[in-house]
Amino acid sequence: MRTFEDICLPYDQKVVSLAKELREFLIEELPNIQEEMDTRQNMAFYSYGKGYKNLISMLSLSKQGVKLGFYKGWDFDDPFKMMKGKGKVHSHIEIKDLSPQTKERIRYFLTQAVASYEKRK
C-alpha cells in the first residue's frame, strides 16, 4: 500500500514539512475524508468515495512547492485571486505557508469544494 511518505520521498525537507502540515490540516478540516495516494504523480487525493464525483481536493508536491487542487475549482468564488490553472478537471492554489490567514483562505475554498460535492452526489 502506498503511503504519504512515499510521495514525499523525492523532495527536500522544506517541501515535505509543508506538505505534511497541509495534510494534517485537511484531515482535521474534512471529517471522515478518505485519502488515496498516486505515487506516479506524487499526489494525495481527498474524497468521500471513488472517482471525481466524490473528490474534494488533491495535494501535489513538486520541487517548486506544494499545491492544493480542487475539482472544477475555476468555478469557485475567489476573492483572494489565488486559484490558478484552467485544466479540464481541476485548478489549484499554491501553498507557501500555513499561516492563520492561509488556513482561513483554504477553509474558504474547502467549504466551496464540499458544497460542490454535495450538489454532485
PDB file of N, CA and C in Angstrom:
ATOM      1  N   MET A   1       0.848  -1.191   0.000  1.00  0.00           N
ATOM      2  CA  MET A   1       0.000   0.000   0.000  1.00  0.00           C
ATOM      3  C   MET A   1       0.889   1.248   0.000  1.00  0.00           C
ATOM      4  N   ARG A   2       0.566   2.190  -0.833  1.00  0.00           N
ATOM      5  CA  ARG A   2       1.343   3.422  -0.925  1.00  0.00           C
ATOM      6  C   ARG A   2       0.967   4.357   0.217  1.00  0.00           C
ATOM      7  N   THR A   3       1.972   5.049   0.719  1.00  0.00           N
ATOM      8  CA  THR A   3       1.747   5.943   1.846  1.00  0.00           C
ATOM      9  C   THR A   3       2.070   7.381   1.466  1.00  0.00           C
ATOM     10  N   PHE A   4       1.680   8.289   2.321  1.00  0.00           N
ATOM     11  CA  PHE A   4       2.001   9.694   2.110  1.00  0.00           C
ATOM     12  C   PHE A   4       3.515   9.888   2.092  1.00  0.00           C
ATOM     13  N   GLU A   5       4.209   9.150   2.926  1.00  0.00           N
ATOM     14  CA  GLU A   5       5.672   9.245   2.963  1.00  0.00           C
ATOM     15  C   GLU A   5       6.278   8.860   1.620  1.00  0.00           C
ATOM     16  N   ASP A   6       5.650   7.911   0.908  1.00  0.00           N
ATOM     17  CA  ASP A   6       6.144   7.506  -0.413  1.00  0.00           C
ATOM     18  C   ASP A   6       6.125   8.667  -1.404  1.00  0.00           C
ATOM     19  N   ILE A   7       5.068   9.477  -1.376  1.00  0.00           N
ATOM     20  CA  ILE A   7       5.013  10.582  -2.340  1.00  0.00           C
ATOM     21  C   ILE A   7       5.951  11.718  -1.946  1.00  0.00           C
ATOM     22  N   CYS A   8       6.400  11.710  -0.701  1.00  0.00           N
ATOM     23  CA  CYS A   8       7.316  12.757  -0.221  1.00  0.00           C
ATOM     24  C   CYS A   8       8.786  12.451  -0.505  1.00  0.00           C
ATOM     25  N   LEU A   9       9.105  11.208  -0.818  1.00  0.00           N
ATOM     26  CA  LEU A   9      10.498  10.777  -0.938  1.00  0.00           C
ATOM     27  C   LEU A   9      11.377  11.646  -1.844  1.00  0.00           C
ATOM     28  N   PRO A  10      10.907  12.079  -3.023  1.00  0.00           N
ATOM     29  CA  PRO A  10      11.812  12.820  -3.917  1.00  0.00           C
ATOM     30  C   PRO A  10      12.093  14.272  -3.519  1.00  0.00           C
ATOM     31  N   TYR A  11      11.487  14.770  -2.463  1.00  0.00           N
ATOM     32  CA  TYR A  11      11.517  16.212  -2.207  1.00  0.00           C
ATOM     33  C   TYR A  11      12.344  16.603  -0.993  1.00  0.00           C
ATOM     34  N   ASP A  12      12.764  17.871  -1.001  1.00  0.00           N
ATOM     35  CA  ASP A  12      13.567  18.371   0.111  1.00  0.00           C
ATOM     36  C   ASP A  12      12.693  18.580   1.351  1.00  0.00           C
ATOM     37  N   GLN A  13      13.350  18.755   2.472  1.00  0.00           N
ATOM     38  CA  GLN A  13      12.659  18.807   3.761  1.00  0.00           C
ATOM     39  C   GLN A  13      11.664  19.956   3.858  1.00  0.00           C
ATOM     40  N   LYS A  14      11.954  21.090   3.247  1.00  0.00           N
ATOM     41  CA  LYS A  14      11.040  22.236   3.314  1.00  0.00           C
ATOM     42  C   LYS A  14       9.698  21.905   2.656  1.00  0.00           C
ATOM     43  N   VAL A  15       9.745  21.303   1.463  1.00  0.00           N
ATOM     44  CA  VAL A  15       8.516  20.916   0.754  1.00  0.00           C
ATOM     45  C   VAL A  15       7.778  19.838   1.540  1.00  0.00           C
ATOM     46  N   VAL A  16       8.508  18.845   2.023  1.00  0.00           N
ATOM     47  CA  VAL A  16       7.898  17.738   2.769  1.00  0.00           C
ATOM     48  C   VAL A  16       7.233  18.237   4.049  1.00  0.00           C
ATOM     49  N   SER A  17       7.897  19.112   4.763  1.00  0.00           N
ATOM     50  CA  SER A  17       7.348  19.645   6.008  1.00  0.00           C
ATOM     51  C   SER A  17       6.044  20.398   5.759  1.00  0.00           C
ATOM     52  N   LEU A  18       6.020  21.234   4.731  1.00  0.00           N
ATOM     53  CA  LEU A  18       4.804  21.979   4.390  1.00  0.00           C
ATOM     54  C   LEU A  18       3.695  21.027   3.949  1.00  0.00           C
ATOM     55  N   ALA A  19       4.034  20.030   3.142  1.00  0.00           N
ATOM     56  CA  ALA A  19       3.039  19.061   2.674  1.00  0.00           C
ATOM     57  C   ALA A  19       2.430  18.285   3.839  1.00  0.00           C
ATOM     58  N   LYS A  20       3.261  17.867   4.772  1.00  0.00           N
ATOM     59  CA  LYS A  20       2.752  17.122   5.932  1.00  0.00           C
ATOM     60  C   LYS A  20       1.843  17.989   6.794  1.00  0.00           C
ATOM     61  N   GLU A  21       2.210  19.238   6.963  1.00  0.00           N
ATOM     62  CA  GLU A  21       1.380  20.157   7.746  1.00  0.00           C
ATOM     63  C   GLU A  21       0.035  20.389   7.051  1.00  0.00           C
ATOM     64  N   LEU A  22       0.065  20.549   5.728  1.00  0.00           N
ATOM     65  CA  LEU A  22      -1.175  20.736   4.971  1.00  0.00           C
ATOM     66  C   LEU A  22      -2.037  19.482   5.049  1.00  0.00           C
ATOM     67  N   ARG A  23      -1.429  18.324   4.928  1.00  0.00           N
ATOM     68  CA  ARG A  23      -2.165  17.064   5.027  1.00  0.00           C
ATOM     69  C   ARG A  23      -2.902  16.968   6.359  1.00  0.00           C
ATOM     70  N   GLU A  24      -2.208  17.250   7.453  1.00  0.00           N
ATOM     71  CA  GLU A  24      -2.835  17.210   8.779  1.00  0.00           C
ATOM     72  C   GLU A  24      -4.000  18.192   8.863  1.00  0.00           C
ATOM     73  N   PHE A  25      -3.819  19.366   8.300  1.00  0.00           N
ATOM     74  CA  PHE A  25      -4.872  20.380   8.302  1.00  0.00           C
ATOM     75  C   PHE A  25      -6.097  19.882   7.529  1.00  0.00           C
ATOM     76  N   LEU A  26      -5.882  19.291   6.356  1.00  0.00           N
ATOM     77  CA  LEU A  26      -7.001  18.789   5.553  1.00  0.00           C
ATOM     78  C   LEU A  26      -7.767  17.699   6.295  1.00  0.00           C
ATOM     79  N   ILE A  27      -7.046  16.786   6.912  1.00  0.00           N
ATOM     80  CA  ILE A  27      -7.694  15.694   7.637  1.00  0.00           C
ATOM     81  C   ILE A  27      -8.509  16.229   8.816  1.00  0.00           C
ATOM     82  N   GLU A  28      -8.011  17.263   9.474  1.00  0.00           N
ATOM     83  CA  GLU A  28      -8.763  17.891  10.576  1.00  0.00           C
ATOM     84  C   GLU A  28     -10.007  18.611  10.067  1.00  0.00           C
ATOM     85  N   GLU A  29      -9.890  19.279   8.942  1.00  0.00           N
ATOM     86  CA  GLU A  29     -10.982  20.104   8.418  1.00  0.00           C
ATOM     87  C   GLU A  29     -12.064  19.305   7.699  1.00  0.00           C
ATOM     88  N   LEU A  30     -11.727  18.116   7.227  1.00  0.00           N
ATOM     89  CA  LEU A  30     -12.659  17.317   6.430  1.00  0.00           C
ATOM     90  C   LEU A  30     -12.958  16.000   7.152  1.00  0.00           C
ATOM     91  N   PRO A  31     -13.934  16.003   8.056  1.00  0.00           N
ATOM     92  CA  PRO A  31     -14.247  14.794   8.824  1.00  0.00           C
ATOM     93  C   PRO A  31     -14.568  13.603   7.914  1.00  0.00           C
ATOM     94  N   ASN A  32     -14.033  12.447   8.272  1.00  0.00           N
ATOM     95  CA  ASN A  32     -14.281  11.187   7.558  1.00  0.00           C
ATOM     96  C   ASN A  32     -13.773  11.180   6.120  1.00  0.00           C
ATOM     97  N   ILE A  33     -12.853  12.066   5.794  1.00  0.00           N
ATOM     98  CA  ILE A  33     -12.321  12.119   4.432  1.00  0.00           C
ATOM     99  C   ILE A  33     -11.459  10.881   4.178  1.00  0.00           C
ATOM    100  N   GLN A  34     -11.503  10.395   2.949  1.00  0.00           N
ATOM    101  CA  GLN A  34     -10.664   9.271   2.542  1.00  0.00           C
ATOM    102  C   GLN A  34      -9.435   9.825   1.829  1.00  0.00           C
ATOM    103  N   GLU A  35      -8.300   9.203   2.066  1.00  0.00           N
ATOM    104  CA  GLU A  35      -7.040   9.646   1.464  1.00  0.00           C
ATOM    105  C   GLU A  35      -6.506   8.530   0.573  1.00  0.00           C
ATOM    106  N   GLU A  36      -6.149   8.886  -0.656  1.00  0.00           N
ATOM    107  CA  GLU A  36      -5.596   7.917  -1.594  1.00  0.00           C
ATOM    108  C   GLU A  36      -4.356   8.517  -2.244  1.00  0.00           C
ATOM    109  N   MET A  37      -3.310   7.708  -2.386  1.00  0.00           N
ATOM    110  CA  MET A  37      -2.047   8.198  -2.935  1.00  0.00           C
ATOM    111  C   MET A  37      -1.869   7.801  -4.393  1.00  0.00           C
ATOM    112  N   ASP A  38      -1.266   8.689  -5.154  1.00  0.00           N
ATOM    113  CA  ASP A  38      -0.818   8.395  -6.515  1.00  0.00           C
ATOM    114  C   ASP A  38       0.678   8.696  -6.532  1.00  0.00           C
ATOM    115  N   THR A  39       1.485   7.655  -6.360  1.00  0.00           N
ATOM    116  CA  THR A  39       2.928   7.871  -6.260  1.00  0.00           C
ATOM    117  C   THR A  39       3.553   8.218  -7.605  1.00  0.00           C
ATOM    118  N   ARG A  40       2.908   7.884  -8.709  1.00  0.00           N
ATOM    119  CA  ARG A  40       3.455   8.261 -10.025  1.00  0.00           C
ATOM    120  C   ARG A  40       3.390   9.766 -10.223  1.00  0.00           C
ATOM    121  N   GLN A  41       2.323  10.389  -9.749  1.00  0.00           N
ATOM    122  CA  GLN A  41       2.155  11.833  -9.907  1.00  0.00           C
ATOM    123  C   GLN A  41       2.488  12.599  -8.626  1.00  0.00           C
ATOM    124  N   ASN A  42       2.888  11.880  -7.583  1.00  0.00           N
ATOM    125  CA  ASN A  42       3.199  12.488  -6.283  1.00  0.00           C
ATOM    126  C   ASN A  42       2.051  13.357  -5.781  1.00  0.00           C
ATOM    127  N   MET A  43       0.874  12.725  -5.737  1.00  0.00           N
ATOM    128  CA  MET A  43      -0.333  13.420  -5.302  1.00  0.00           C
ATOM    129  C   MET A  43      -1.077  12.587  -4.269  1.00  0.00           C
ATOM    130  N   ALA A  44      -1.764  13.294  -3.382  1.00  0.00           N
ATOM    131  CA  ALA A  44      -2.692  12.667  -2.441  1.00  0.00           C
ATOM    132  C   ALA A  44      -4.077  13.216  -2.762  1.00  0.00           C
ATOM    133  N   PHE A  45      -5.042  12.322  -2.894  1.00  0.00           N
ATOM    134  CA  PHE A  45      -6.418  12.712  -3.207  1.00  0.00           C
ATOM    135  C   PHE A  45      -7.272  12.577  -1.952  1.00  0.00           C
ATOM    136  N   TYR A  46      -8.136  13.547  -1.741  1.00  0.00           N
ATOM    137  CA  TYR A  46      -9.025  13.564  -0.576  1.00  0.00           C
ATOM    138  C   TYR A  46     -10.458  13.571  -1.083  1.00  0.00           C
ATOM    139  N   SER A  47     -11.194  12.505  -0.736  1.00  0.00           N
ATOM    140  CA  SER A  47     -12.541  12.345  -1.284  1.00  0.00           C
ATOM    141  C   SER A  47     -13.447  11.639  -0.284  1.00  0.00           C
ATOM    142  N   TYR A  48     -14.725  11.609  -0.646  1.00  0.00           N
ATOM    143  CA  TYR A  48     -15.717  10.883   0.139  1.00  0.00           C
ATOM    144  C   TYR A  48     -16.191   9.647  -0.613  1.00  0.00           C
ATOM    145  N   GLY A  49     -15.353   9.132  -1.508  1.00  0.00           N
ATOM    146  CA  GLY A  49     -15.665   7.936  -2.275  1.00  0.00           C
ATOM    147  C   GLY A  49     -14.812   7.893  -3.530  1.00  0.00           C
ATOM    148  N   LYS A  50     -15.019   6.897  -4.362  1.00  0.00           N
ATOM    149  CA  LYS A  50     -14.232   6.713  -5.581  1.00  0.00           C
ATOM    150  C   LYS A  50     -14.655   7.696  -6.676  1.00  0.00           C
ATOM    151  N   GLY A  51     -13.712   8.083  -7.487  1.00  0.00           N
ATOM    152  CA  GLY A  51     -13.982   8.887  -8.673  1.00  0.00           C
ATOM    153  C   GLY A  51     -14.056  10.380  -8.412  1.00  0.00           C
ATOM    154  N   TYR A  52     -13.971  11.141  -9.516  1.00  0.00           N
ATOM    155  CA  TYR A  52     -14.006  12.602  -9.420  1.00  0.00           C
ATOM    156  C   TYR A  52     -15.301  13.124  -8.818  1.00  0.00           C
ATOM    157  N   LYS A  53     -16.378  12.380  -8.994  1.00  0.00           N
ATOM    158  CA  LYS A  53     -17.669  12.798  -8.446  1.00  0.00           C
ATOM    159  C   LYS A  53     -17.590  13.043  -6.938  1.00  0.00           C
ATOM    160  N   ASN A  54     -16.737  12.297  -6.265  1.00  0.00           N
ATOM    161  CA  ASN A  54     -16.622  12.369  -4.805  1.00  0.00           C
ATOM    162  C   ASN A  54     -15.376  13.109  -4.320  1.00  0.00           C
ATOM    163  N   LEU A  55     -14.627  13.670  -5.255  1.00  0.00           N
ATOM    164  CA  LEU A  55     -13.365  14.332  -4.924  1.00  0.00           C
ATOM    165  C   LEU A  55     -13.595  15.702  -4.298  1.00  0.00           C
ATOM    166  N   ILE A  56     -12.843  15.985  -3.245  1.00  0.00           N
ATOM    167  CA  ILE A  56     -12.874  17.296  -2.599  1.00  0.00           C
ATOM    168  C   ILE A  56     -11.628  18.083  -2.989  1.00  0.00           C
ATOM    169  N   SER A  57     -10.457  17.479  -2.791  1.00  0.00           N
ATOM    170  CA  SER A  57      -9.218  18.186  -3.134  1.00  0.00           C
ATOM    171  C   SER A  57      -8.087  17.201  -3.370  1.00  0.00           C
ATOM    172  N   MET A  58      -6.994  17.734  -3.904  1.00  0.00           N
ATOM    173  CA  MET A  58      -5.799  16.935  -4.092  1.00  0.00           C
ATOM    174  C   MET A  58      -4.580  17.763  -3.715  1.00  0.00           C
ATOM    175  N   LEU A  59      -3.656  17.119  -3.064  1.00  0.00           N
ATOM    176  CA  LEU A  59      -2.427  17.763  -2.619  1.00  0.00           C
ATOM    177  C   LEU A  59      -1.311  17.244  -3.515  1.00  0.00           C
ATOM    178  N   SER A  60      -0.581  18.146  -4.154  1.00  0.00           N
ATOM    179  CA  SER A  60       0.517  17.713  -5.018  1.00  0.00           C
ATOM    180  C   SER A  60       1.819  18.369  -4.596  1.00  0.00           C
ATOM    181  N   LEU A  61       2.875  17.608  -4.735  1.00  0.00           N
ATOM    182  CA  LEU A  61       4.214  18.077  -4.390  1.00  0.00           C
ATOM    183  C   LEU A  61       5.043  18.213  -5.654  1.00  0.00           C
ATOM    184  N   SER A  62       5.914  19.198  -5.660  1.00  0.00           N
ATOM    185  CA  SER A  62       6.888  19.363  -6.733  1.00  0.00           C
ATOM    186  C   SER A  62       8.129  20.006  -6.138  1.00  0.00           C
ATOM    187  N   LYS A  63       9.173  20.092  -6.917  1.00  0.00           N
ATOM    188  CA  LYS A  63      10.395  20.740  -6.425  1.00  0.00           C
ATOM    189  C   LYS A  63      10.141  22.201  -6.088  1.00  0.00           C
ATOM    190  N   GLN A  64       9.150  22.810  -6.755  1.00  0.00           N
ATOM    191  CA  GLN A  64       8.827  24.213  -6.508  1.00  0.00           C
ATOM    192  C   GLN A  64       7.989  24.416  -5.250  1.00  0.00           C
ATOM    193  N   GLY A  65       7.307  23.372  -4.788  1.00  0.00           N
ATOM    194  CA  GLY A  65       6.493  23.534  -3.598  1.00  0.00           C
ATOM    195  C   GLY A  65       5.283  22.624  -3.550  1.00  0.00           C
ATOM    196  N   VAL A  66       4.228  23.111  -2.899  1.00  0.00           N
ATOM    197  CA  VAL A  66       3.018  22.331  -2.645  1.00  0.00           C
ATOM    198  C   VAL A  66       1.819  23.061  -3.243  1.00  0.00           C
ATOM    199  N   LYS A  67       0.931  22.285  -3.886  1.00  0.00           N
ATOM    200  CA  LYS A  67      -0.292  22.846  -4.449  1.00  0.00           C
ATOM    201  C   LYS A  67      -1.480  22.081  -3.890  1.00  0.00           C
ATOM    202  N   LEU A  68      -2.585  22.788  -3.753  1.00  0.00           N
ATOM    203  CA  LEU A  68      -3.836  22.179  -3.324  1.00  0.00           C
ATOM    204  C   LEU A  68      -4.839  22.388  -4.445  1.00  0.00           C
ATOM    205  N   GLY A  69      -5.233  21.283  -5.072  1.00  0.00           N
ATOM    206  CA  GLY A  69      -6.144  21.348  -6.205  1.00  0.00           C
ATOM    207  C   GLY A  69      -7.575  21.069  -5.801  1.00  0.00           C
ATOM    208  N   PHE A  70      -8.489  21.586  -6.621  1.00  0.00           N
ATOM    209  CA  PHE A  70      -9.922  21.410  -6.380  1.00  0.00           C
ATOM    210  C   PHE A  70     -10.614  21.028  -7.674  1.00  0.00           C
ATOM    211  N   TYR A  71     -11.500  20.033  -7.591  1.00  0.00           N
ATOM    212  CA  TYR A  71     -12.292  19.630  -8.738  1.00  0.00           C
ATOM    213  C   TYR A  71     -13.145  20.819  -9.187  1.00  0.00           C
ATOM    214  N   LYS A  72     -12.966  21.225 -10.423  1.00  0.00           N
ATOM    215  CA  LYS A  72     -13.663  22.380 -11.012  1.00  0.00           C
ATOM    216  C   LYS A  72     -13.509  23.638 -10.159  1.00  0.00           C
ATOM    217  N   GLY A  73     -12.328  23.816  -9.601  1.00  0.00           N
ATOM    218  CA  GLY A  73     -12.047  24.970  -8.752  1.00  0.00           C
ATOM    219  C   GLY A  73     -12.187  26.304  -9.457  1.00  0.00           C
ATOM    220  N   TRP A  74     -12.100  26.293 -10.781  1.00  0.00           N
ATOM    221  CA  TRP A  74     -12.266  27.550 -11.526  1.00  0.00           C
ATOM    222  C   TRP A  74     -13.665  28.124 -11.365  1.00  0.00           C
ATOM    223  N   ASP A  75     -14.613  27.306 -10.910  1.00  0.00           N
ATOM    224  CA  ASP A  75     -15.978  27.784 -10.667  1.00  0.00           C
ATOM    225  C   ASP A  75     -16.143  28.415  -9.282  1.00  0.00           C
ATOM    226  N   PHE A  76     -15.142  28.297  -8.435  1.00  0.00           N
ATOM    227  CA  PHE A  76     -15.243  28.805  -7.063  1.00  0.00           C
ATOM    228  C   PHE A  76     -15.135  30.327  -7.027  1.00  0.00           C
ATOM    229  N   ASP A  77     -15.797  30.906  -6.048  1.00  0.00           N
ATOM    230  CA  ASP A  77     -15.601  32.320  -5.744  1.00  0.00           C
ATOM    231  C   ASP A  77     -14.170  32.461  -5.223  1.00  0.00           C
ATOM    232  N   ASP A  78     -13.421  33.415  -5.753  1.00  0.00           N
ATOM    233  CA  ASP A  78     -12.011  33.560  -5.384  1.00  0.00           C
ATOM    234  C   ASP A  78     -11.651  35.024  -5.144  1.00  0.00           C
ATOM    235  N   PRO A  79     -12.097  35.591  -4.023  1.00  0.00           N
ATOM    236  CA  PRO A  79     -11.797  36.997  -3.753  1.00  0.00           C
ATOM    237  C   PRO A  79     -10.313  37.252  -3.494  1.00  0.00           C
ATOM    238  N   PHE A  80      -9.550  36.182  -3.256  1.00  0.00           N
ATOM    239  CA  PHE A  80      -8.122  36.324  -2.948  1.00  0.00           C
ATOM    240  C   PHE A  80      -7.250  36.246  -4.199  1.00  0.00           C
ATOM    241  N   LYS A  81      -7.868  35.890  -5.334  1.00  0.00           N
ATOM    242  CA  LYS A  81      -7.145  35.738  -6.609  1.00  0.00           C
ATOM    243  C   LYS A  81      -6.015  34.715  -6.475  1.00  0.00           C
ATOM    244  N   MET A  82      -6.318  33.600  -5.828  1.00  0.00           N
ATOM    245  CA  MET A  82      -5.315  32.554  -5.597  1.00  0.00           C
ATOM    246  C   MET A  82      -5.413  31.394  -6.585  1.00  0.00           C
ATOM    247  N   MET A  83      -6.597  31.147  -7.142  1.00  0.00           N
ATOM    248  CA  MET A  83      -6.822  29.975  -7.971  1.00  0.00           C
ATOM    249  C   MET A  83      -6.065  30.105  -9.285  1.00  0.00           C
ATOM    250  N   LYS A  84      -5.342  29.043  -9.632  1.00  0.00           N
ATOM    251  CA  LYS A  84      -4.558  29.026 -10.864  1.00  0.00           C
ATOM    252  C   LYS A  84      -4.918  27.783 -11.662  1.00  0.00           C
ATOM    253  N   GLY A  85      -4.691  27.865 -12.956  1.00  0.00           N
ATOM    254  CA  GLY A  85      -4.916  26.712 -13.813  1.00  0.00           C
ATOM    255  C   GLY A  85      -6.342  26.636 -14.310  1.00  0.00           C
ATOM    256  N   LYS A  86      -6.464  26.288 -15.554  1.00  0.00           N
ATOM    257  CA  LYS A  86      -7.777  26.128 -16.183  1.00  0.00           C
ATOM    258  C   LYS A  86      -7.857  24.748 -16.824  1.00  0.00           C
ATOM    259  N   GLY A  87      -7.371  23.742 -16.109  1.00  0.00           N
ATOM    260  CA  GLY A  87      -7.385  22.383 -16.633  1.00  0.00           C
ATOM    261  C   GLY A  87      -8.798  21.874 -16.871  1.00  0.00           C
ATOM    262  N   LYS A  88      -8.897  20.745 -17.565  1.00  0.00           N
ATOM    263  CA  LYS A  88     -10.200  20.160 -17.868  1.00  0.00           C
ATOM    264  C   LYS A  88     -10.932  19.710 -16.609  1.00  0.00           C
ATOM    265  N   VAL A  89     -10.170  19.331 -15.586  1.00  0.00           N
ATOM    266  CA  VAL A  89     -10.779  18.736 -14.406  1.00  0.00           C
ATOM    267  C   VAL A  89     -10.634  19.587 -13.154  1.00  0.00           C
ATOM    268  N   HIS A  90      -9.479  20.211 -12.965  1.00  0.00           N
ATOM    269  CA  HIS A  90      -9.290  20.951 -11.714  1.00  0.00           C
ATOM    270  C   HIS A  90      -8.370  22.152 -11.893  1.00  0.00           C
ATOM    271  N   SER A  91      -8.404  23.007 -10.888  1.00  0.00           N
ATOM    272  CA  SER A  91      -7.451  24.110 -10.773  1.00  0.00           C
ATOM    273  C   SER A  91      -6.911  24.072  -9.346  1.00  0.00           C
ATOM    274  N   HIS A  92      -5.927  24.914  -9.049  1.00  0.00           N
ATOM    275  CA  HIS A  92      -5.225  24.774  -7.771  1.00  0.00           C
ATOM    276  C   HIS A  92      -4.819  26.117  -7.178  1.00  0.00           C
ATOM    277  N   ILE A  93      -4.443  26.051  -5.912  1.00  0.00           N
ATOM    278  CA  ILE A  93      -3.809  27.191  -5.256  1.00  0.00           C
ATOM    279  C   ILE A  93      -2.418  26.739  -4.812  1.00  0.00           C
ATOM    280  N   GLU A  94      -1.475  27.662  -4.852  1.00  0.00           N
ATOM    281  CA  GLU A  94      -0.123  27.364  -4.393  1.00  0.00           C
ATOM    282  C   GLU A  94      -0.047  27.651  -2.901  1.00  0.00           C
ATOM    283  N   ILE A  95       0.528  26.726  -2.165  1.00  0.00           N
ATOM    284  CA  ILE A  95       0.647  26.864  -0.717  1.00  0.00           C
ATOM    285  C   ILE A  95       2.097  27.213  -0.385  1.00  0.00           C
ATOM    286  N   LYS A  96       2.292  28.402   0.131  1.00  0.00           N
ATOM    287  CA  LYS A  96       3.643  28.865   0.501  1.00  0.00           C
ATOM    288  C   LYS A  96       3.906  28.695   1.997  1.00  0.00           C
ATOM    289  N   ASP A  97       2.834  28.746   2.787  1.00  0.00           N
ATOM    290  CA  ASP A  97       2.934  28.607   4.242  1.00  0.00           C
ATOM    291  C   ASP A  97       1.550  28.250   4.759  1.00  0.00           C
ATOM    292  N   LEU A  98       1.466  27.930   6.027  1.00  0.00           N
ATOM    293  CA  LEU A  98       0.163  27.659   6.641  1.00  0.00           C
ATOM    294  C   LEU A  98      -0.074  28.618   7.797  1.00  0.00           C
ATOM    295  N   SER A  99       0.095  29.880   7.497  1.00  0.00           N
ATOM    296  CA  SER A  99      -0.200  30.934   8.467  1.00  0.00           C
ATOM    297  C   SER A  99      -1.699  30.924   8.762  1.00  0.00           C
ATOM    298  N   PRO A 100      -2.136  31.568   9.831  1.00  0.00           N
ATOM    299  CA  PRO A 100      -3.575  31.651  10.107  1.00  0.00           C
ATOM    300  C   PRO A 100      -4.366  32.214   8.915  1.00  0.00           C
ATOM    301  N   GLN A 101      -3.821  33.209   8.235  1.00  0.00           N
ATOM    302  CA  GLN A 101      -4.510  33.779   7.071  1.00  0.00           C
ATOM    303  C   GLN A 101      -4.634  32.751   5.945  1.00  0.00           C
ATOM    304  N   THR A 102      -3.564  32.019   5.682  1.00  0.00           N
ATOM    305  CA  THR A 102      -3.607  30.993   4.641  1.00  0.00           C
ATOM    306  C   THR A 102      -4.621  29.917   4.994  1.00  0.00           C
ATOM    307  N   LYS A 103      -4.651  29.491   6.250  1.00  0.00           N
ATOM    308  CA  LYS A 103      -5.611  28.470   6.672  1.00  0.00           C
ATOM    309  C   LYS A 103      -7.048  28.947   6.477  1.00  0.00           C
ATOM    310  N   GLU A 104      -7.317  30.193   6.791  1.00  0.00           N
ATOM    311  CA  GLU A 104      -8.668  30.732   6.592  1.00  0.00           C
ATOM    312  C   GLU A 104      -9.044  30.711   5.113  1.00  0.00           C
ATOM    313  N   ARG A 105      -8.098  31.044   4.265  1.00  0.00           N
ATOM    314  CA  ARG A 105      -8.364  31.030   2.822  1.00  0.00           C
ATOM    315  C   ARG A 105      -8.584  29.611   2.319  1.00  0.00           C
ATOM    316  N   ILE A 106      -7.806  28.672   2.812  1.00  0.00           N
ATOM    317  CA  ILE A 106      -8.013  27.273   2.433  1.00  0.00           C
ATOM    318  C   ILE A 106      -9.390  26.809   2.897  1.00  0.00           C
ATOM    319  N   ARG A 107      -9.778  27.154   4.116  1.00  0.00           N
ATOM    320  CA  ARG A 107     -11.121  26.803   4.614  1.00  0.00           C
ATOM    321  C   ARG A 107     -12.205  27.355   3.691  1.00  0.00           C
ATOM    322  N   TYR A 108     -12.005  28.568   3.212  1.00  0.00           N
ATOM    323  CA  TYR A 108     -12.969  29.203   2.312  1.00  0.00           C
ATOM    324  C   TYR A 108     -13.156  28.342   1.060  1.00  0.00           C
ATOM    325  N   PHE A 109     -12.049  27.859   0.485  1.00  0.00           N
ATOM    326  CA  PHE A 109     -12.131  27.010  -0.704  1.00  0.00           C
ATOM    327  C   PHE A 109     -12.665  25.622  -0.370  1.00  0.00           C
ATOM    328  N   LEU A 110     -12.277  25.068   0.774  1.00  0.00           N
ATOM    329  CA  LEU A 110     -12.791  23.753   1.166  1.00  0.00           C
ATOM    330  C   LEU A 110     -14.302  23.778   1.351  1.00  0.00           C
ATOM    331  N   THR A 111     -14.825  24.856   1.905  1.00  0.00           N
ATOM    332  CA  THR A 111     -16.275  24.993   2.071  1.00  0.00           C
ATOM    333  C   THR A 111     -16.967  24.923   0.713  1.00  0.00           C
ATOM    334  N   GLN A 112     -16.394  25.590  -0.270  1.00  0.00           N
ATOM    335  CA  GLN A 112     -16.967  25.552  -1.617  1.00  0.00           C
ATOM    336  C   GLN A 112     -16.816  24.168  -2.251  1.00  0.00           C
ATOM    337  N   ALA A 113     -15.685  23.521  -1.998  1.00  0.00           N
ATOM    338  CA  ALA A 113     -15.454  22.187  -2.551  1.00  0.00           C
ATOM    339  C   ALA A 113     -16.457  21.184  -1.989  1.00  0.00           C
ATOM    340  N   VAL A 114     -16.719  21.264  -0.698  1.00  0.00           N
ATOM    341  CA  VAL A 114     -17.694  20.360  -0.077  1.00  0.00           C
ATOM    342  C   VAL A 114     -19.098  20.662  -0.602  1.00  0.00           C
ATOM    343  N   ALA A 115     -19.443  21.927  -0.755  1.00  0.00           N
ATOM    344  CA  ALA A 115     -20.757  22.298  -1.304  1.00  0.00           C
ATOM    345  C   ALA A 115     -20.903  21.774  -2.733  1.00  0.00           C
ATOM    346  N   SER A 116     -19.851  21.865  -3.517  1.00  0.00           N
ATOM    347  CA  SER A 116     -19.869  21.354  -4.886  1.00  0.00           C
ATOM    348  C   SER A 116     -20.055  19.835  -4.889  1.00  0.00           C
ATOM    349  N   TYR A 117     -19.360  19.159  -3.993  1.00  0.00           N
ATOM    350  CA  TYR A 117     -19.509  17.709  -3.845  1.00  0.00           C
ATOM    351  C   TYR A 117     -20.950  17.351  -3.483  1.00  0.00           C
ATOM    352  N   GLU A 118     -21.538  18.078  -2.550  1.00  0.00           N
ATOM    353  CA  GLU A 118     -22.918  17.807  -2.127  1.00  0.00           C
ATOM    354  C   GLU A 118     -23.885  17.926  -3.302  1.00  0.00           C
ATOM    355  N   LYS A 119     -23.662  18.879  -4.184  1.00  0.00           N
ATOM    356  CA  LYS A 119     -24.517  19.046  -5.369  1.00  0.00           C
ATOM    357  C   LYS A 119     -24.346  17.897  -6.354  1.00  0.00           C
ATOM    358  N   ARG A 120     -23.138  17.327  -6.437  1.00  0.00           N
ATOM    359  CA  ARG A 120     -22.855  16.251  -7.389  1.00  0.00           C
ATOM    360  C   ARG A 120     -23.358  14.895  -6.919  1.00  0.00           C
ATOM    361  N   LYS A 121     -23.590  14.742  -5.615  1.00  0.00           N
ATOM    362  CA  LYS A 121     -23.984  13.433  -5.067  1.00  0.00           C
ATOM    363  C   LYS A 121     -25.260  12.930  -5.683  1.00  0.00           C
TER     364      LYS A 121
END
